């Protein structure tokens, strides 16, 4: 996967749980859990906006691009 979620690293560094963050930003736990575990297919704009505001980060801090060694078809 070329797009990678950094949410786990950010939350773990700050000793925050996905459940607590989901409650604090009023966003679905299951959606955040998927981002935390890097299992999601897309990043909803509303979710990114809420996470950036709550964590005081930029979108590029939450997600990163990792080049694949071999292109996938």
PDB file of N, CA and C in Angstrom:
ATOM      1  N   UNK A   1       0.852  -1.182   0.000  1.00  0.00           N
ATOM      2  CA  UNK A   1       0.000   0.000   0.000  1.00  0.00           C
ATOM      3  C   UNK A   1       0.893   1.239   0.000  1.00  0.00           C
ATOM      4  N   UNK A   2       0.648   2.160  -0.905  1.00  0.00           N
ATOM      5  CA  UNK A   2       1.476   3.346  -1.028  1.00  0.00           C
ATOM      6  C   UNK A   2       1.075   4.430  -0.027  1.00  0.00           C
ATOM      7  N   UNK A   3      -0.198   4.589   0.230  1.00  0.00           N
ATOM      8  CA  UNK A   3      -0.670   5.578   1.203  1.00  0.00           C
ATOM      9  C   UNK A   3      -0.723   4.896   2.564  1.00  0.00           C
ATOM     10  N   UNK A   4      -0.110   5.530   3.553  1.00  0.00           N
ATOM     11  CA  UNK A   4       0.012   4.914   4.878  1.00  0.00           C
ATOM     12  C   UNK A   4      -0.496   5.870   5.957  1.00  0.00           C
ATOM     13  N   UNK A   5      -1.247   5.347   6.896  1.00  0.00           N
ATOM     14  CA  UNK A   5      -1.743   6.132   8.025  1.00  0.00           C
ATOM     15  C   UNK A   5      -0.702   6.194   9.133  1.00  0.00           C
ATOM     16  N   UNK A   6      -0.476   7.380   9.664  1.00  0.00           N
ATOM     17  CA  UNK A   6       0.432   7.574  10.793  1.00  0.00           C
ATOM     18  C   UNK A   6      -0.335   7.792  12.097  1.00  0.00           C
ATOM     19  N   UNK A   7      -1.629   7.564  12.085  1.00  0.00           N
ATOM     20  CA  UNK A   7      -2.446   7.842  13.261  1.00  0.00           C
ATOM     21  C   UNK A   7      -2.011   7.001  14.464  1.00  0.00           C
ATOM     22  N   UNK A   8      -1.677   5.751  14.256  1.00  0.00           N
ATOM     23  CA  UNK A   8      -1.248   4.890  15.361  1.00  0.00           C
ATOM     24  C   UNK A   8      -0.034   5.487  16.062  1.00  0.00           C
ATOM     25  N   UNK A   9       0.953   5.889  15.305  1.00  0.00           N
ATOM     26  CA  UNK A   9       2.169   6.467  15.882  1.00  0.00           C
ATOM     27  C   UNK A   9       1.842   7.728  16.674  1.00  0.00           C
ATOM     28  N   UNK A  10       1.020   8.603  16.094  1.00  0.00           N
ATOM     29  CA  UNK A  10       0.670   9.865  16.742  1.00  0.00           C
ATOM     30  C   UNK A  10      -0.087   9.615  18.046  1.00  0.00           C
ATOM     31  N   UNK A  11      -1.091   8.761  18.002  1.00  0.00           N
ATOM     32  CA  UNK A  11      -1.888   8.495  19.205  1.00  0.00           C
ATOM     33  C   UNK A  11      -1.065   7.764  20.264  1.00  0.00           C
ATOM     34  N   UNK A  12      -0.259   6.810  19.842  1.00  0.00           N
ATOM     35  CA  UNK A  12       0.566   6.073  20.802  1.00  0.00           C
ATOM     36  C   UNK A  12       1.567   7.007  21.490  1.00  0.00           C
ATOM     37  N   UNK A  13       2.166   7.920  20.738  1.00  0.00           N
ATOM     38  CA  UNK A  13       3.112   8.884  21.316  1.00  0.00           C
ATOM     39  C   UNK A  13       2.441   9.776  22.357  1.00  0.00           C
ATOM     40  N   UNK A  14       1.165  10.052  22.152  1.00  0.00           N
ATOM     41  CA  UNK A  14       0.425  10.948  23.047  1.00  0.00           C
ATOM     42  C   UNK A  14      -0.410  10.197  24.083  1.00  0.00           C
ATOM     43  N   UNK A  15      -0.267   8.880  24.098  1.00  0.00           N
ATOM     44  CA  UNK A  15      -1.028   8.024  25.021  1.00  0.00           C
ATOM     45  C   UNK A  15      -2.534   8.268  24.924  1.00  0.00           C
ATOM     46  N   UNK A  16      -3.013   8.364  23.682  1.00  0.00           N
ATOM     47  CA  UNK A  16      -4.437   8.551  23.421  1.00  0.00           C
ATOM     48  C   UNK A  16      -5.009   7.265  22.833  1.00  0.00           C
ATOM     49  N   UNK A  17      -6.222   6.927  23.219  1.00  0.00           N
ATOM     50  CA  UNK A  17      -6.881   5.752  22.653  1.00  0.00           C
ATOM     51  C   UNK A  17      -7.774   6.175  21.484  1.00  0.00           C
ATOM     52  N   UNK A  18      -7.969   5.258  20.577  1.00  0.00           N
ATOM     53  CA  UNK A  18      -8.851   5.516  19.443  1.00  0.00           C
ATOM     54  C   UNK A  18     -10.267   5.786  19.941  1.00  0.00           C
ATOM     55  N   UNK A  19     -10.692   5.042  20.942  1.00  0.00           N
ATOM     56  CA  UNK A  19     -12.038   5.231  21.491  1.00  0.00           C
ATOM     57  C   UNK A  19     -12.202   6.638  22.061  1.00  0.00           C
ATOM     58  N   UNK A  20     -11.225   7.093  22.821  1.00  0.00           N
ATOM     59  CA  UNK A  20     -11.319   8.433  23.409  1.00  0.00           C
ATOM     60  C   UNK A  20     -11.329   9.511  22.329  1.00  0.00           C
ATOM     61  N   UNK A  21     -10.470   9.373  21.331  1.00  0.00           N
ATOM     62  CA  UNK A  21     -10.422  10.356  20.245  1.00  0.00           C
ATOM     63  C   UNK A  21     -11.741  10.364  19.484  1.00  0.00           C
ATOM     64  N   UNK A  22     -12.291   9.184  19.218  1.00  0.00           N
ATOM     65  CA  UNK A  22     -13.559   9.126  18.485  1.00  0.00           C
ATOM     66  C   UNK A  22     -14.665   9.846  19.261  1.00  0.00           C
ATOM     67  N   UNK A  23     -14.675   9.696  20.573  1.00  0.00           N
ATOM     68  CA  UNK A  23     -15.658  10.406  21.393  1.00  0.00           C
ATOM     69  C   UNK A  23     -15.402  11.905  21.386  1.00  0.00           C
ATOM     70  N   UNK A  24     -14.136  12.287  21.540  1.00  0.00           N
ATOM     71  CA  UNK A  24     -13.779  13.705  21.618  1.00  0.00           C
ATOM     72  C   UNK A  24     -14.097  14.469  20.329  1.00  0.00           C
ATOM     73  N   UNK A  25     -13.886  13.821  19.185  1.00  0.00           N
ATOM     74  CA  UNK A  25     -14.138  14.525  17.918  1.00  0.00           C
ATOM     75  C   UNK A  25     -15.504  14.177  17.332  1.00  0.00           C
ATOM     76  N   UNK A  26     -16.251  13.342  18.053  1.00  0.00           N
ATOM     77  CA  UNK A  26     -17.588  12.925  17.615  1.00  0.00           C
ATOM     78  C   UNK A  26     -17.564  12.318  16.212  1.00  0.00           C
ATOM     79  N   UNK A  27     -16.728  11.290  16.087  1.00  0.00           N
ATOM     80  CA  UNK A  27     -16.610  10.584  14.810  1.00  0.00           C
ATOM     81  C   UNK A  27     -16.696   9.087  15.096  1.00  0.00           C
ATOM     82  N   UNK A  28     -17.170   8.339  14.137  1.00  0.00           N
ATOM     83  CA  UNK A  28     -17.390   6.901  14.310  1.00  0.00           C
ATOM     84  C   UNK A  28     -16.102   6.163  14.716  1.00  0.00           C
ATOM     85  N   UNK A  29     -16.213   5.403  15.791  1.00  0.00           N
ATOM     86  CA  UNK A  29     -15.073   4.633  16.299  1.00  0.00           C
ATOM     87  C   UNK A  29     -14.526   3.682  15.241  1.00  0.00           C
ATOM     88  N   UNK A  30     -15.402   2.942  14.587  1.00  0.00           N
ATOM     89  CA  UNK A  30     -14.955   1.944  13.610  1.00  0.00           C
ATOM     90  C   UNK A  30     -14.143   2.583  12.485  1.00  0.00           C
ATOM     91  N   UNK A  31     -14.545   3.748  12.039  1.00  0.00           N
ATOM     92  CA  UNK A  31     -13.806   4.442  10.976  1.00  0.00           C
ATOM     93  C   UNK A  31     -12.415   4.840  11.449  1.00  0.00           C
ATOM     94  N   UNK A  32     -12.313   5.370  12.656  1.00  0.00           N
ATOM     95  CA  UNK A  32     -11.012   5.758  13.194  1.00  0.00           C
ATOM     96  C   UNK A  32     -10.142   4.537  13.486  1.00  0.00           C
ATOM     97  N   UNK A  33     -10.768   3.467  13.947  1.00  0.00           N
ATOM     98  CA  UNK A  33     -10.008   2.249  14.208  1.00  0.00           C
ATOM     99  C   UNK A  33      -9.353   1.725  12.933  1.00  0.00           C
ATOM    100  N   UNK A  34     -10.068   1.810  11.827  1.00  0.00           N
ATOM    101  CA  UNK A  34      -9.504   1.369  10.547  1.00  0.00           C
ATOM    102  C   UNK A  34      -8.328   2.242  10.128  1.00  0.00           C
ATOM    103  N   UNK A  35      -8.432   3.529  10.352  1.00  0.00           N
ATOM    104  CA  UNK A  35      -7.317   4.427  10.030  1.00  0.00           C
ATOM    105  C   UNK A  35      -6.142   4.116  10.954  1.00  0.00           C
ATOM    106  N   UNK A  36      -6.406   3.949  12.232  1.00  0.00           N
ATOM    107  CA  UNK A  36      -5.384   3.630  13.226  1.00  0.00           C
ATOM    108  C   UNK A  36      -4.612   2.364  12.835  1.00  0.00           C
ATOM    109  N   UNK A  37      -5.337   1.360  12.367  1.00  0.00           N
ATOM    110  CA  UNK A  37      -4.723   0.082  11.978  1.00  0.00           C
ATOM    111  C   UNK A  37      -4.306   0.038  10.512  1.00  0.00           C
ATOM    112  N   UNK A  38      -4.424   1.164   9.831  1.00  0.00           N
ATOM    113  CA  UNK A  38      -4.038   1.270   8.424  1.00  0.00           C
ATOM    114  C   UNK A  38      -4.803   0.271   7.553  1.00  0.00           C
ATOM    115  N   UNK A  39      -6.086   0.115   7.815  1.00  0.00           N
ATOM    116  CA  UNK A  39      -6.940  -0.826   7.086  1.00  0.00           C
ATOM    117  C   UNK A  39      -7.937  -0.127   6.171  1.00  0.00           C
ATOM    118  N   UNK A  40      -7.916   1.181   6.141  1.00  0.00           N
ATOM    119  CA  UNK A  40      -8.941   1.922   5.404  1.00  0.00           C
ATOM    120  C   UNK A  40      -8.609   2.051   3.931  1.00  0.00           C
ATOM    121  N   UNK A  41      -9.651   2.279   3.146  1.00  0.00           N
ATOM    122  CA  UNK A  41      -9.520   2.444   1.700  1.00  0.00           C
ATOM    123  C   UNK A  41      -9.500   3.919   1.305  1.00  0.00           C
ATOM    124  N   UNK A  42     -10.074   4.772   2.149  1.00  0.00           N
ATOM    125  CA  UNK A  42     -10.126   6.204   1.836  1.00  0.00           C
ATOM    126  C   UNK A  42     -10.067   7.013   3.132  1.00  0.00           C
ATOM    127  N   UNK A  43      -9.810   8.293   2.983  1.00  0.00           N
ATOM    128  CA  UNK A  43      -9.704   9.208   4.118  1.00  0.00           C
ATOM    129  C   UNK A  43     -10.739  10.312   3.950  1.00  0.00           C
ATOM    130  N   UNK A  44     -11.859  10.199   4.630  1.00  0.00           N
ATOM    131  CA  UNK A  44     -12.895  11.223   4.502  1.00  0.00           C
ATOM    132  C   UNK A  44     -12.373  12.602   4.936  1.00  0.00           C
ATOM    133  N   UNK A  45     -12.714  13.592   4.165  1.00  0.00           N
ATOM    134  CA  UNK A  45     -12.279  14.959   4.421  1.00  0.00           C
ATOM    135  C   UNK A  45     -12.702  15.440   5.811  1.00  0.00           C
ATOM    136  N   UNK A  46     -13.936  15.142   6.191  1.00  0.00           N
ATOM    137  CA  UNK A  46     -14.451  15.571   7.492  1.00  0.00           C
ATOM    138  C   UNK A  46     -13.632  14.945   8.629  1.00  0.00           C
ATOM    139  N   UNK A  47     -13.295  13.674   8.487  1.00  0.00           N
ATOM    140  CA  UNK A  47     -12.498  12.991   9.499  1.00  0.00           C
ATOM    141  C   UNK A  47     -11.107  13.608   9.608  1.00  0.00           C
ATOM    142  N   UNK A  48     -10.460  13.840   8.468  1.00  0.00           N
ATOM    143  CA  UNK A  48      -9.136  14.458   8.480  1.00  0.00           C
ATOM    144  C   UNK A  48      -9.175  15.840   9.121  1.00  0.00           C
ATOM    145  N   UNK A  49     -10.196  16.602   8.799  1.00  0.00           N
ATOM    146  CA  UNK A  49     -10.338  17.940   9.367  1.00  0.00           C
ATOM    147  C   UNK A  49     -10.452  17.870  10.891  1.00  0.00           C
ATOM    148  N   UNK A  50     -11.286  16.978  11.380  1.00  0.00           N
ATOM    149  CA  UNK A  50     -11.477  16.845  12.830  1.00  0.00           C
ATOM    150  C   UNK A  50     -10.204  16.358  13.512  1.00  0.00           C
ATOM    151  N   UNK A  51      -9.525  15.392  12.918  1.00  0.00           N
ATOM    152  CA  UNK A  51      -8.287  14.885  13.505  1.00  0.00           C
ATOM    153  C   UNK A  51      -7.193  15.952  13.528  1.00  0.00           C
ATOM    154  N   UNK A  52      -7.064  16.694  12.441  1.00  0.00           N
ATOM    155  CA  UNK A  52      -6.047  17.746  12.380  1.00  0.00           C
ATOM    156  C   UNK A  52      -6.289  18.799  13.455  1.00  0.00           C
ATOM    157  N   UNK A  53      -7.522  19.219  13.613  1.00  0.00           N
ATOM    158  CA  UNK A  53      -7.850  20.224  14.618  1.00  0.00           C
ATOM    159  C   UNK A  53      -7.607  19.685  16.024  1.00  0.00           C
ATOM    160  N   UNK A  54      -8.033  18.479  16.289  1.00  0.00           N
ATOM    161  CA  UNK A  54      -7.910  17.874  17.616  1.00  0.00           C
ATOM    162  C   UNK A  54      -6.455  17.627  18.000  1.00  0.00           C
ATOM    163  N   UNK A  55      -5.673  17.109  17.048  1.00  0.00           N
ATOM    164  CA  UNK A  55      -4.285  16.741  17.324  1.00  0.00           C
ATOM    165  C   UNK A  55      -3.299  17.869  17.033  1.00  0.00           C
ATOM    166  N   UNK A  56      -3.804  18.960  16.450  1.00  0.00           N
ATOM    167  CA  UNK A  56      -2.954  20.093  16.061  1.00  0.00           C
ATOM    168  C   UNK A  56      -1.830  19.641  15.124  1.00  0.00           C
ATOM    169  N   UNK A  57      -2.234  18.955  14.045  1.00  0.00           N
ATOM    170  CA  UNK A  57      -1.299  18.461  13.035  1.00  0.00           C
ATOM    171  C   UNK A  57      -1.825  18.840  11.650  1.00  0.00           C
ATOM    172  N   UNK A  58      -0.995  18.621  10.664  1.00  0.00           N
ATOM    173  CA  UNK A  58      -1.360  18.829   9.257  1.00  0.00           C
ATOM    174  C   UNK A  58      -1.761  17.476   8.650  1.00  0.00           C
ATOM    175  N   UNK A  59      -2.525  17.485   7.555  1.00  0.00           N
ATOM    176  CA  UNK A  59      -2.900  16.216   6.919  1.00  0.00           C
ATOM    177  C   UNK A  59      -1.684  15.350   6.564  1.00  0.00           C
ATOM    178  N   UNK A  60      -0.602  15.998   6.171  1.00  0.00           N
ATOM    179  CA  UNK A  60       0.614  15.259   5.826  1.00  0.00           C
ATOM    180  C   UNK A  60       1.265  14.570   7.017  1.00  0.00           C
ATOM    181  N   UNK A  61       0.896  14.990   8.224  1.00  0.00           N
ATOM    182  CA  UNK A  61       1.381  14.300   9.422  1.00  0.00           C
ATOM    183  C   UNK A  61       0.570  13.025   9.666  1.00  0.00           C
ATOM    184  N   UNK A  62      -0.682  13.042   9.256  1.00  0.00           N
ATOM    185  CA  UNK A  62      -1.570  11.897   9.464  1.00  0.00           C
ATOM    186  C   UNK A  62      -1.398  10.807   8.422  1.00  0.00           C
ATOM    187  N   UNK A  63      -1.112  11.204   7.197  1.00  0.00           N
ATOM    188  CA  UNK A  63      -0.939  10.220   6.128  1.00  0.00           C
ATOM    189  C   UNK A  63       0.362  10.496   5.397  1.00  0.00           C
ATOM    190  N   UNK A  64       0.963   9.431   4.891  1.00  0.00           N
ATOM    191  CA  UNK A  64       2.209   9.576   4.147  1.00  0.00           C
ATOM    192  C   UNK A  64       2.174   8.647   2.935  1.00  0.00           C
ATOM    193  N   UNK A  65       3.047   8.953   2.015  1.00  0.00           N
ATOM    194  CA  UNK A  65       3.156   8.151   0.795  1.00  0.00           C
ATOM    195  C   UNK A  65       4.458   7.376   0.847  1.00  0.00           C
ATOM    196  N   UNK A  66       4.355   6.073   0.716  1.00  0.00           N
ATOM    197  CA  UNK A  66       5.533   5.219   0.706  1.00  0.00           C
ATOM    198  C   UNK A  66       5.596   4.516  -0.642  1.00  0.00           C
ATOM    199  N   UNK A  67       6.641   4.780  -1.373  1.00  0.00           N
ATOM    200  CA  UNK A  67       6.775   4.177  -2.697  1.00  0.00           C
ATOM    201  C   UNK A  67       6.909   2.666  -2.570  1.00  0.00           C
ATOM    202  N   UNK A  68       6.195   1.977  -3.440  1.00  0.00           N
ATOM    203  CA  UNK A  68       6.327   0.523  -3.523  1.00  0.00           C
ATOM    204  C   UNK A  68       7.592   0.207  -4.295  1.00  0.00           C
ATOM    205  N   UNK A  69       8.262  -0.850  -3.910  1.00  0.00           N
ATOM    206  CA  UNK A  69       9.469  -1.235  -4.639  1.00  0.00           C
ATOM    207  C   UNK A  69       9.137  -1.648  -6.064  1.00  0.00           C
ATOM    208  N   UNK A  70       8.029  -2.326  -6.231  1.00  0.00           N
ATOM    209  CA  UNK A  70       7.580  -2.725  -7.553  1.00  0.00           C
ATOM    210  C   UNK A  70       6.186  -2.194  -7.761  1.00  0.00           C
ATOM    211  N   UNK A  71       5.917  -1.593  -8.909  1.00  0.00           N
ATOM    212  CA  UNK A  71       4.551  -1.071  -9.153  1.00  0.00           C
ATOM    213  C   UNK A  71       3.540  -2.204  -9.178  1.00  0.00           C
ATOM    214  N   UNK A  72       2.366  -1.922  -8.600  1.00  0.00           N
ATOM    215  CA  UNK A  72       1.298  -2.932  -8.629  1.00  0.00           C
ATOM    216  C   UNK A  72       0.419  -2.706  -9.826  1.00  0.00           C
ATOM    217  N   UNK A  73      -0.111  -3.778 -10.395  1.00  0.00           N
ATOM    218  CA  UNK A  73      -0.982  -3.673 -11.573  1.00  0.00           C
ATOM    219  C   UNK A  73      -2.407  -3.766 -11.181  1.00  0.00           C
TER     220      UNK A  73
END
